[in-house]
Amino acid sequence: METKFRLKYYTRKTLLTFLGPSELDEHNDPMAKLERERDERLGSRPKKAHSVHIPKRHFHTTHAA
């Protein structure tokens, strides 16, 4: 049953993304309504962990070709 719900959710979200209206107020927005329904059914999504940016190493100053 959950698989069917997830398939329906992702299908509706894709269709709303490409064919739905532009962003509306919170109480009128179909995408926000879809997210609220998903949260009620499956629980809220976990927060994404932010990765720490590590700058690239440049070897042009330390190694001669």
C-alpha atoms as a PDB file:
ATOM      1  CA  MET A   1       0.000   0.000   0.000  1.00  0.00           C
ATOM      2  CA  GLU A   2       2.833   2.384   0.828  1.00  0.00           C
ATOM      3  CA  THR A   3       4.502   1.694  -2.521  1.00  0.00           C
ATOM      4  CA  LYS A   4       1.298   2.631  -4.337  1.00  0.00           C
ATOM      5  CA  PHE A   5       1.052   5.851  -2.312  1.00  0.00           C
ATOM      6  CA  ARG A   6       4.680   6.776  -3.048  1.00  0.00           C
ATOM      7  CA  LEU A   7       4.212   6.104  -6.768  1.00  0.00           C
ATOM      8  CA  LYS A   8       1.091   8.270  -6.798  1.00  0.00           C
ATOM      9  CA  TYR A   9       2.889  10.983  -4.790  1.00  0.00           C
ATOM     10  CA  TYR A  10       5.898  11.166  -7.123  1.00  0.00           C
ATOM     11  CA  THR A  11       3.655  11.100 -10.212  1.00  0.00           C
ATOM     12  CA  ARG A  12       1.517  13.970  -8.900  1.00  0.00           C
ATOM     13  CA  LYS A  13       4.591  15.936  -7.834  1.00  0.00           C
ATOM     14  CA  THR A  14       6.165  15.547 -11.287  1.00  0.00           C
ATOM     15  CA  LEU A  15       2.958  16.579 -13.041  1.00  0.00           C
ATOM     16  CA  LEU A  16       2.510  19.592 -10.751  1.00  0.00           C
ATOM     17  CA  THR A  17       6.121  20.599 -11.338  1.00  0.00           C
ATOM     18  CA  PHE A  18       5.760  20.708 -15.115  1.00  0.00           C
ATOM     19  CA  LEU A  19       2.046  21.290 -15.705  1.00  0.00           C
ATOM     20  CA  GLY A  20       0.785  22.834 -12.464  1.00  0.00           C
ATOM     21  CA  PRO A  21       0.216  26.477 -11.614  1.00  0.00           C
ATOM     22  CA  SER A  22       2.969  28.811 -10.543  1.00  0.00           C
ATOM     23  CA  GLU A  23       3.596  29.321  -6.830  1.00  0.00           C
ATOM     24  CA  LEU A  24       0.489  30.396  -4.953  1.00  0.00           C
ATOM     25  CA  ASP A  25      -0.278  31.338  -1.360  1.00  0.00           C
ATOM     26  CA  GLU A  26       0.403  28.609   1.219  1.00  0.00           C
ATOM     27  CA  HIS A  27      -3.292  27.728   1.612  1.00  0.00           C
ATOM     28  CA  ASN A  28      -3.916  27.590  -2.187  1.00  0.00           C
ATOM     29  CA  ASP A  29      -0.676  25.978  -3.393  1.00  0.00           C
ATOM     30  CA  PRO A  30      -1.274  22.399  -4.650  1.00  0.00           C
ATOM     31  CA  MET A  31       2.410  21.484  -4.147  1.00  0.00           C
ATOM     32  CA  ALA A  32       2.244  22.556  -0.475  1.00  0.00           C
ATOM     33  CA  LYS A  33      -0.986  20.575  -0.056  1.00  0.00           C
ATOM     34  CA  LEU A  34       0.701  17.522  -1.557  1.00  0.00           C
ATOM     35  CA  GLU A  35       3.633  17.896   0.854  1.00  0.00           C
ATOM     36  CA  ARG A  36       1.240  18.242   3.831  1.00  0.00           C
ATOM     37  CA  GLU A  37      -0.596  15.068   2.782  1.00  0.00           C
ATOM     38  CA  ARG A  38       2.717  13.246   2.470  1.00  0.00           C
ATOM     39  CA  ASP A  39       3.845  14.424   5.920  1.00  0.00           C
ATOM     40  CA  GLU A  40       0.559  13.253   7.467  1.00  0.00           C
ATOM     41  CA  ARG A  41       0.839   9.847   5.857  1.00  0.00           C
ATOM     42  CA  LEU A  42       4.565   9.073   6.046  1.00  0.00           C
ATOM     43  CA  GLY A  43       5.903  11.551   8.601  1.00  0.00           C
ATOM     44  CA  SER A  44       8.087  14.545   7.959  1.00  0.00           C
ATOM     45  CA  ARG A  45      11.290  14.194   5.991  1.00  0.00           C
ATOM     46  CA  PRO A  46      14.568  14.049   7.924  1.00  0.00           C
ATOM     47  CA  LYS A  47      16.857  17.060   7.714  1.00  0.00           C
ATOM     48  CA  LYS A  48      19.699  16.719   5.225  1.00  0.00           C
ATOM     49  CA  ALA A  49      23.163  16.818   6.706  1.00  0.00           C
ATOM     50  CA  HIS A  50      25.285  19.637   5.364  1.00  0.00           C
ATOM     51  CA  SER A  51      28.702  18.626   4.162  1.00  0.00           C
ATOM     52  CA  VAL A  52      31.726  20.725   4.964  1.00  0.00           C
ATOM     53  CA  HIS A  53      33.349  22.323   1.941  1.00  0.00           C
ATOM     54  CA  ILE A  54      36.961  21.209   1.498  1.00  0.00           C
ATOM     55  CA  PRO A  55      38.837  23.287  -1.081  1.00  0.00           C
ATOM     56  CA  LYS A  56      40.655  21.537  -3.918  1.00  0.00           C
ATOM     57  CA  ARG A  57      44.341  20.938  -3.573  1.00  0.00           C
ATOM     58  CA  HIS A  58      46.512  22.576  -6.201  1.00  0.00           C
ATOM     59  CA  PHE A  59      49.772  20.830  -7.027  1.00  0.00           C
ATOM     60  CA  HIS A  60      51.181  23.320  -9.512  1.00  0.00           C
ATOM     61  CA  THR A  61      53.265  25.045  -6.822  1.00  0.00           C
ATOM     62  CA  THR A  62      54.633  21.920  -5.130  1.00  0.00           C
ATOM     63  CA  HIS A  63      55.358  19.538  -8.032  1.00  0.00           C
ATOM     64  CA  ALA A  64      57.322  20.450 -11.141  1.00  0.00           C
ATOM     65  CA  ALA A  65      56.490  18.630 -14.347  1.00  0.00           C
END
